């Protein structure tokens, strides 16, 4: 029996792309970096903002 690997993952769908674009625009990180953060953290907006700001300040 095979399960769908993308089931329940935050990295599937256009909603994640929209979230990544919004995060990149608001924090100044790249969309690629934003997608990585979403994969690592999930879709909690406050957590994403915190980590994106930390990432931006270190560069």
C-alpha atoms as a PDB file:
ATOM      1  CA  UNK A   1       0.000   0.000   0.000  1.00  0.00           C
ATOM      2  CA  UNK A   2       1.424   3.400  -1.010  1.00  0.00           C
ATOM      3  CA  UNK A   3       0.680   6.667   0.741  1.00  0.00           C
ATOM      4  CA  UNK A   4       0.769  10.081  -0.872  1.00  0.00           C
ATOM      5  CA  UNK A   5       3.995  11.674   0.433  1.00  0.00           C
ATOM      6  CA  UNK A   6       2.660  15.205   0.000  1.00  0.00           C
ATOM      7  CA  UNK A   7      -0.447  14.575   2.107  1.00  0.00           C
ATOM      8  CA  UNK A   8      -0.538  16.967   5.021  1.00  0.00           C
ATOM      9  CA  UNK A   9       2.698  18.687   4.104  1.00  0.00           C
ATOM     10  CA  UNK A  10       2.799  22.476   4.096  1.00  0.00           C
ATOM     11  CA  UNK A  11       4.875  22.515   0.883  1.00  0.00           C
ATOM     12  CA  UNK A  12       2.075  21.380  -1.404  1.00  0.00           C
ATOM     13  CA  UNK A  13      -0.197  23.804  -3.185  1.00  0.00           C
ATOM     14  CA  UNK A  14      -0.382  27.360  -4.345  1.00  0.00           C
ATOM     15  CA  UNK A  15      -1.255  28.609  -0.848  1.00  0.00           C
ATOM     16  CA  UNK A  16       2.338  27.932   0.183  1.00  0.00           C
ATOM     17  CA  UNK A  17       3.629  29.841  -2.835  1.00  0.00           C
ATOM     18  CA  UNK A  18       1.441  32.793  -1.872  1.00  0.00           C
ATOM     19  CA  UNK A  19       2.675  32.571   1.709  1.00  0.00           C
ATOM     20  CA  UNK A  20       6.296  32.420   0.519  1.00  0.00           C
ATOM     21  CA  UNK A  21       5.820  35.502  -1.678  1.00  0.00           C
ATOM     22  CA  UNK A  22       4.204  37.416   1.182  1.00  0.00           C
ATOM     23  CA  UNK A  23       6.942  36.413   3.626  1.00  0.00           C
ATOM     24  CA  UNK A  24       9.663  37.396   1.160  1.00  0.00           C
ATOM     25  CA  UNK A  25       8.034  40.741   0.455  1.00  0.00           C
ATOM     26  CA  UNK A  26       7.552  41.617   4.122  1.00  0.00           C
ATOM     27  CA  UNK A  27      10.963  40.534   5.360  1.00  0.00           C
ATOM     28  CA  UNK A  28      13.306  41.003   2.414  1.00  0.00           C
ATOM     29  CA  UNK A  29      14.410  37.366   2.141  1.00  0.00           C
ATOM     30  CA  UNK A  30      14.251  35.480  -1.148  1.00  0.00           C
ATOM     31  CA  UNK A  31      11.192  33.450  -2.079  1.00  0.00           C
ATOM     32  CA  UNK A  32      13.413  30.391  -2.175  1.00  0.00           C
ATOM     33  CA  UNK A  33      14.526  31.009   1.416  1.00  0.00           C
ATOM     34  CA  UNK A  34      10.912  31.615   2.388  1.00  0.00           C
ATOM     35  CA  UNK A  35       9.874  28.246   0.935  1.00  0.00           C
ATOM     36  CA  UNK A  36      12.667  26.529   2.873  1.00  0.00           C
ATOM     37  CA  UNK A  37      11.496  28.149   6.100  1.00  0.00           C
ATOM     38  CA  UNK A  38       7.936  27.017   5.405  1.00  0.00           C
ATOM     39  CA  UNK A  39       9.171  23.465   4.862  1.00  0.00           C
ATOM     40  CA  UNK A  40      11.150  23.539   8.113  1.00  0.00           C
ATOM     41  CA  UNK A  41       8.740  25.445  10.363  1.00  0.00           C
ATOM     42  CA  UNK A  42       5.313  24.990   8.857  1.00  0.00           C
ATOM     43  CA  UNK A  43       2.835  27.763   8.177  1.00  0.00           C
ATOM     44  CA  UNK A  44       2.700  29.532  11.547  1.00  0.00           C
ATOM     45  CA  UNK A  45       2.996  33.146  10.457  1.00  0.00           C
ATOM     46  CA  UNK A  46       4.567  34.508  13.665  1.00  0.00           C
ATOM     47  CA  UNK A  47       7.235  31.807  13.665  1.00  0.00           C
ATOM     48  CA  UNK A  48       7.967  32.396   9.999  1.00  0.00           C
ATOM     49  CA  UNK A  49       8.328  36.149  10.533  1.00  0.00           C
ATOM     50  CA  UNK A  50      10.670  35.646  13.482  1.00  0.00           C
ATOM     51  CA  UNK A  51      12.929  33.215  11.628  1.00  0.00           C
ATOM     52  CA  UNK A  52      12.895  35.234   8.393  1.00  0.00           C
ATOM     53  CA  UNK A  53      13.950  38.360  10.286  1.00  0.00           C
ATOM     54  CA  UNK A  54      16.742  36.445  11.994  1.00  0.00           C
ATOM     55  CA  UNK A  55      17.860  35.059   8.649  1.00  0.00           C
ATOM     56  CA  UNK A  56      17.831  38.515   7.069  1.00  0.00           C
ATOM     57  CA  UNK A  57      19.804  40.084   9.930  1.00  0.00           C
ATOM     58  CA  UNK A  58      22.551  37.458   9.611  1.00  0.00           C
ATOM     59  CA  UNK A  59      23.187  38.221   5.947  1.00  0.00           C
END
